[in-house]
Amino acid sequence: MGVYTAARALSYAGVEYDILERALTPRQIGDFDAYADAWAIIHRNLEEALGASGVTDPLEGKTLNGQALSAARSRFESSKQRFFGQLLLSMKLPSLLPAICVATSASEV
């Protein structure tokens, strides 16, 4: 469809930006830690889930399907990374949105 053809042609030449640092609030840090703990529980139980799904032998711990095991672990890790990326992005928004409004109003002058 040519969708990616246009995206490859984009350039950041002439783009200016300022670095905006955001210190997390104690509540945000607590939320992050709670989510990290939840993902750690899932990670600890991942092998048991793989055994239940027939990817590994739960009794001997042997891999029954190496490709499925690799794919499952890869999907888990990529899901975890996407989750934390979105979580951190949402935590930045209280600082980012007002900065965008200021930058937009300054460029209109």
N, C-alpha and C. Protein backbone atom coordinates (compact mmCIF):
# COMPACT_ATOMS: atom_id res chain seq x y z
N MET A 1 0.82 -1.21 0.00
CA MET A 1 0.00 0.00 0.00
C MET A 1 0.86 1.26 0.00
N GLY A 2 2.14 1.14 0.24
CA GLY A 2 2.99 2.32 0.22
C GLY A 2 3.03 3.09 1.51
N VAL A 3 2.42 2.57 2.56
CA VAL A 3 2.36 3.29 3.84
C VAL A 3 3.77 3.50 4.39
N TYR A 4 4.57 2.45 4.36
CA TYR A 4 5.91 2.56 4.92
C TYR A 4 6.87 3.30 4.00
N THR A 5 6.56 3.38 2.73
CA THR A 5 7.39 4.13 1.80
C THR A 5 7.42 5.60 2.20
N ALA A 6 6.29 6.14 2.55
CA ALA A 6 6.23 7.54 2.97
C ALA A 6 6.93 7.74 4.30
N ALA A 7 6.80 6.78 5.21
CA ALA A 7 7.43 6.91 6.52
C ALA A 7 8.95 6.93 6.41
N ARG A 8 9.50 6.16 5.47
CA ARG A 8 10.96 6.13 5.31
C ARG A 8 11.48 7.44 4.75
N ALA A 9 10.62 8.20 4.08
CA ALA A 9 11.04 9.45 3.47
C ALA A 9 11.01 10.62 4.46
N LEU A 10 10.49 10.40 5.66
CA LEU A 10 10.44 11.48 6.64
C LEU A 10 11.84 11.84 7.10
N SER A 11 12.03 13.10 7.41
CA SER A 11 13.33 13.56 7.87
C SER A 11 13.15 14.45 9.09
N TYR A 12 14.10 14.39 9.99
CA TYR A 12 14.08 15.27 11.15
C TYR A 12 15.01 16.46 10.94
N ALA A 13 15.45 16.69 9.74
CA ALA A 13 16.32 17.83 9.43
C ALA A 13 15.60 19.13 9.79
N GLY A 14 16.26 19.96 10.55
CA GLY A 14 15.69 21.24 10.94
C GLY A 14 14.79 21.19 12.15
N VAL A 15 14.59 20.02 12.72
CA VAL A 15 13.73 19.88 13.90
C VAL A 15 14.52 20.31 15.13
N GLU A 16 13.91 21.13 15.94
CA GLU A 16 14.53 21.56 17.19
C GLU A 16 13.73 21.01 18.36
N TYR A 17 14.40 20.65 19.43
CA TYR A 17 13.70 20.14 20.60
C TYR A 17 14.46 20.51 21.86
N ASP A 18 13.74 20.54 22.95
CA ASP A 18 14.31 20.77 24.27
C ASP A 18 14.10 19.51 25.09
N ILE A 19 15.06 19.18 25.91
CA ILE A 19 14.92 18.03 26.79
C ILE A 19 14.09 18.46 28.00
N LEU A 20 13.06 17.70 28.29
CA LEU A 20 12.18 17.97 29.40
C LEU A 20 12.30 16.82 30.39
N GLU A 21 12.86 17.10 31.54
CA GLU A 21 13.01 16.06 32.55
C GLU A 21 11.82 16.08 33.48
N ARG A 22 11.41 14.89 33.87
CA ARG A 22 10.25 14.74 34.75
C ARG A 22 10.66 13.88 35.94
N ALA A 23 10.60 14.45 37.12
CA ALA A 23 10.86 13.68 38.34
C ALA A 23 9.57 12.97 38.73
N LEU A 24 9.65 11.67 38.95
CA LEU A 24 8.46 10.93 39.33
C LEU A 24 8.05 11.27 40.75
N THR A 25 6.76 11.30 40.97
CA THR A 25 6.24 11.55 42.31
C THR A 25 6.38 10.27 43.14
N PRO A 26 6.33 10.38 44.46
CA PRO A 26 6.38 9.16 45.29
C PRO A 26 5.27 8.16 44.93
N ARG A 27 4.09 8.66 44.59
CA ARG A 27 3.01 7.75 44.20
C ARG A 27 3.35 7.03 42.89
N GLN A 28 3.92 7.75 41.93
CA GLN A 28 4.30 7.12 40.66
C GLN A 28 5.38 6.06 40.88
N ILE A 29 6.31 6.35 41.75
CA ILE A 29 7.36 5.38 42.06
C ILE A 29 6.74 4.14 42.70
N GLY A 30 5.79 4.34 43.60
CA GLY A 30 5.09 3.22 44.23
C GLY A 30 4.32 2.40 43.21
N ASP A 31 3.64 3.09 42.28
CA ASP A 31 2.91 2.39 41.22
C ASP A 31 3.87 1.57 40.36
N PHE A 32 4.99 2.18 39.98
CA PHE A 32 5.97 1.48 39.15
C PHE A 32 6.47 0.24 39.88
N ASP A 33 6.80 0.40 41.15
CA ASP A 33 7.30 -0.74 41.93
C ASP A 33 6.25 -1.85 42.04
N ALA A 34 4.98 -1.48 42.20
CA ALA A 34 3.91 -2.47 42.30
C ALA A 34 3.78 -3.24 40.98
N TYR A 35 3.83 -2.53 39.87
CA TYR A 35 3.77 -3.21 38.57
C TYR A 35 4.99 -4.09 38.35
N ALA A 36 6.16 -3.62 38.76
CA ALA A 36 7.37 -4.43 38.62
C ALA A 36 7.26 -5.72 39.44
N ASP A 37 6.71 -5.60 40.63
CA ASP A 37 6.51 -6.80 41.47
C ASP A 37 5.52 -7.77 40.81
N ALA A 38 4.46 -7.24 40.21
CA ALA A 38 3.47 -8.09 39.54
C ALA A 38 4.10 -8.82 38.35
N TRP A 39 4.89 -8.12 37.57
CA TRP A 39 5.55 -8.76 36.44
C TRP A 39 6.56 -9.80 36.92
N ALA A 40 7.19 -9.55 38.06
CA ALA A 40 8.14 -10.53 38.61
C ALA A 40 7.42 -11.82 39.00
N ILE A 41 6.22 -11.70 39.53
CA ILE A 41 5.43 -12.89 39.87
C ILE A 41 5.11 -13.67 38.60
N ILE A 42 4.68 -12.96 37.58
CA ILE A 42 4.39 -13.63 36.31
C ILE A 42 5.64 -14.31 35.77
N HIS A 43 6.76 -13.62 35.83
CA HIS A 43 8.02 -14.18 35.32
C HIS A 43 8.39 -15.46 36.07
N ARG A 44 8.22 -15.44 37.40
CA ARG A 44 8.56 -16.63 38.20
C ARG A 44 7.66 -17.82 37.84
N ASN A 45 6.44 -17.55 37.43
CA ASN A 45 5.50 -18.62 37.10
C ASN A 45 5.45 -18.94 35.60
N LEU A 46 6.27 -18.28 34.82
CA LEU A 46 6.26 -18.49 33.38
C LEU A 46 6.62 -19.92 33.01
N GLU A 47 7.62 -20.48 33.66
CA GLU A 47 8.04 -21.84 33.33
C GLU A 47 6.94 -22.85 33.63
N GLU A 48 6.21 -22.64 34.72
CA GLU A 48 5.09 -23.53 35.04
C GLU A 48 3.99 -23.42 33.98
N ALA A 49 3.74 -22.21 33.52
CA ALA A 49 2.73 -22.02 32.48
C ALA A 49 3.16 -22.67 31.17
N LEU A 50 4.45 -22.58 30.87
CA LEU A 50 4.94 -23.23 29.65
C LEU A 50 4.81 -24.75 29.75
N GLY A 51 5.03 -25.29 30.94
CA GLY A 51 4.84 -26.72 31.14
C GLY A 51 3.39 -27.11 30.97
N ALA A 52 2.49 -26.31 31.50
CA ALA A 52 1.05 -26.61 31.39
C ALA A 52 0.57 -26.53 29.94
N SER A 53 1.24 -25.69 29.14
CA SER A 53 0.82 -25.55 27.74
C SER A 53 1.50 -26.56 26.82
N GLY A 54 2.39 -27.39 27.36
CA GLY A 54 3.02 -28.42 26.56
C GLY A 54 4.29 -28.00 25.85
N VAL A 55 4.81 -26.82 26.17
CA VAL A 55 6.04 -26.37 25.54
C VAL A 55 7.25 -27.03 26.21
N THR A 56 7.15 -27.23 27.51
CA THR A 56 8.21 -27.93 28.24
C THR A 56 7.58 -29.10 29.01
N ASP A 57 8.40 -30.06 29.32
CA ASP A 57 7.94 -31.21 30.12
C ASP A 57 8.02 -30.80 31.58
N PRO A 58 6.89 -30.68 32.28
CA PRO A 58 6.91 -30.19 33.65
C PRO A 58 7.62 -31.13 34.62
N LEU A 59 7.69 -32.41 34.30
CA LEU A 59 8.33 -33.37 35.21
C LEU A 59 9.86 -33.36 35.06
N GLU A 60 10.32 -33.33 33.84
CA GLU A 60 11.77 -33.38 33.60
C GLU A 60 12.37 -32.02 33.30
N GLY A 61 11.54 -31.03 33.02
CA GLY A 61 12.04 -29.70 32.71
C GLY A 61 12.66 -29.59 31.34
N LYS A 62 12.49 -30.60 30.50
CA LYS A 62 13.07 -30.59 29.15
C LYS A 62 12.16 -29.82 28.20
N THR A 63 12.81 -29.21 27.22
CA THR A 63 12.07 -28.48 26.20
C THR A 63 11.49 -29.46 25.19
N LEU A 64 10.19 -29.37 24.97
CA LEU A 64 9.55 -30.23 23.98
C LEU A 64 9.50 -29.57 22.61
N ASN A 65 9.46 -28.25 22.60
CA ASN A 65 9.40 -27.51 21.35
C ASN A 65 10.24 -26.25 21.52
N GLY A 66 11.48 -26.29 21.06
CA GLY A 66 12.41 -25.18 21.25
C GLY A 66 11.95 -23.88 20.62
N GLN A 67 11.36 -23.98 19.43
CA GLN A 67 10.90 -22.75 18.76
C GLN A 67 9.74 -22.12 19.52
N ALA A 68 8.82 -22.94 20.01
CA ALA A 68 7.68 -22.40 20.76
C ALA A 68 8.15 -21.79 22.07
N LEU A 69 9.13 -22.44 22.71
CA LEU A 69 9.68 -21.91 23.96
C LEU A 69 10.33 -20.55 23.73
N SER A 70 11.14 -20.47 22.70
CA SER A 70 11.81 -19.20 22.37
C SER A 70 10.80 -18.11 22.03
N ALA A 71 9.80 -18.47 21.24
CA ALA A 71 8.77 -17.50 20.86
C ALA A 71 7.98 -17.02 22.07
N ALA A 72 7.64 -17.94 22.97
CA ALA A 72 6.87 -17.56 24.16
C ALA A 72 7.67 -16.62 25.05
N ARG A 73 8.94 -16.94 25.28
CA ARG A 73 9.77 -16.06 26.10
C ARG A 73 9.98 -14.71 25.44
N SER A 74 10.17 -14.70 24.14
CA SER A 74 10.36 -13.45 23.42
C SER A 74 9.11 -12.58 23.50
N ARG A 75 7.96 -13.19 23.31
CA ARG A 75 6.71 -12.42 23.41
C ARG A 75 6.49 -11.87 24.81
N PHE A 76 6.81 -12.67 25.81
CA PHE A 76 6.66 -12.21 27.18
C PHE A 76 7.53 -10.99 27.43
N GLU A 77 8.80 -11.09 27.06
CA GLU A 77 9.72 -9.97 27.31
C GLU A 77 9.35 -8.73 26.51
N SER A 78 8.92 -8.90 25.26
CA SER A 78 8.54 -7.73 24.47
C SER A 78 7.26 -7.10 25.02
N SER A 79 6.35 -7.92 25.51
CA SER A 79 5.13 -7.38 26.13
C SER A 79 5.47 -6.59 27.39
N LYS A 80 6.41 -7.12 28.15
CA LYS A 80 6.82 -6.42 29.38
C LYS A 80 7.46 -5.08 29.03
N GLN A 81 8.32 -5.06 28.02
CA GLN A 81 8.95 -3.81 27.62
C GLN A 81 7.94 -2.80 27.12
N ARG A 82 6.98 -3.25 26.30
CA ARG A 82 5.95 -2.33 25.82
C ARG A 82 5.11 -1.79 26.97
N PHE A 83 4.78 -2.66 27.93
CA PHE A 83 3.99 -2.23 29.08
C PHE A 83 4.71 -1.12 29.85
N PHE A 84 5.98 -1.35 30.18
CA PHE A 84 6.70 -0.35 30.96
C PHE A 84 6.98 0.91 30.15
N GLY A 85 7.16 0.77 28.85
CA GLY A 85 7.30 1.97 28.02
C GLY A 85 6.05 2.83 28.06
N GLN A 86 4.88 2.19 27.96
CA GLN A 86 3.63 2.93 28.03
C GLN A 86 3.38 3.50 29.43
N LEU A 87 3.75 2.74 30.44
CA LEU A 87 3.59 3.22 31.82
C LEU A 87 4.42 4.48 32.04
N LEU A 88 5.67 4.43 31.63
CA LEU A 88 6.53 5.61 31.81
C LEU A 88 6.06 6.78 30.97
N LEU A 89 5.58 6.51 29.76
CA LEU A 89 5.04 7.58 28.93
C LEU A 89 3.86 8.25 29.63
N SER A 90 2.97 7.44 30.20
CA SER A 90 1.81 8.02 30.88
C SER A 90 2.23 8.84 32.10
N MET A 91 3.32 8.45 32.74
CA MET A 91 3.80 9.20 33.91
C MET A 91 4.44 10.52 33.50
N LYS A 92 4.87 10.63 32.25
CA LYS A 92 5.48 11.88 31.76
C LYS A 92 4.44 12.90 31.32
N LEU A 93 3.24 12.44 31.01
CA LEU A 93 2.23 13.33 30.42
C LEU A 93 1.88 14.54 31.28
N PRO A 94 1.83 14.45 32.62
CA PRO A 94 1.52 15.66 33.38
C PRO A 94 2.51 16.80 33.16
N SER A 95 3.73 16.50 32.78
CA SER A 95 4.71 17.55 32.46
C SER A 95 4.73 17.86 30.98
N LEU A 96 4.51 16.85 30.16
CA LEU A 96 4.64 17.01 28.72
C LEU A 96 3.53 17.86 28.12
N LEU A 97 2.29 17.60 28.51
CA LEU A 97 1.17 18.31 27.89
C LEU A 97 1.24 19.82 28.12
N PRO A 98 1.51 20.31 29.34
CA PRO A 98 1.64 21.77 29.50
C PRO A 98 2.83 22.34 28.70
N ALA A 99 3.91 21.58 28.60
CA ALA A 99 5.08 22.04 27.83
C ALA A 99 4.73 22.17 26.35
N ILE A 100 3.93 21.24 25.84
CA ILE A 100 3.50 21.32 24.45
C ILE A 100 2.64 22.55 24.23
N CYS A 101 1.75 22.83 25.17
CA CYS A 101 0.88 24.01 25.05
C CYS A 101 1.70 25.29 25.06
N VAL A 102 2.71 25.34 25.92
CA VAL A 102 3.58 26.53 25.97
C VAL A 102 4.35 26.68 24.67
N ALA A 103 4.91 25.58 24.18
CA ALA A 103 5.68 25.63 22.93
C ALA A 103 4.80 26.00 21.76
N THR A 104 3.58 25.48 21.73
CA THR A 104 2.66 25.77 20.63
C THR A 104 2.25 27.23 20.64
N SER A 105 1.94 27.76 21.82
CA SER A 105 1.53 29.17 21.91
C SER A 105 2.70 30.09 21.61
N ALA A 106 3.93 29.70 21.96
CA ALA A 106 5.10 30.53 21.66
C ALA A 106 5.40 30.54 20.17
N SER A 107 5.14 29.44 19.47
CA SER A 107 5.44 29.40 18.04
C SER A 107 4.40 30.16 17.22
N GLU A 108 3.24 30.42 17.81
CA GLU A 108 2.18 31.14 17.09
C GLU A 108 2.43 32.63 17.11
N VAL A 109 3.32 33.08 17.97
CA VAL A 109 3.57 34.51 18.11
C VAL A 109 4.37 35.04 16.95
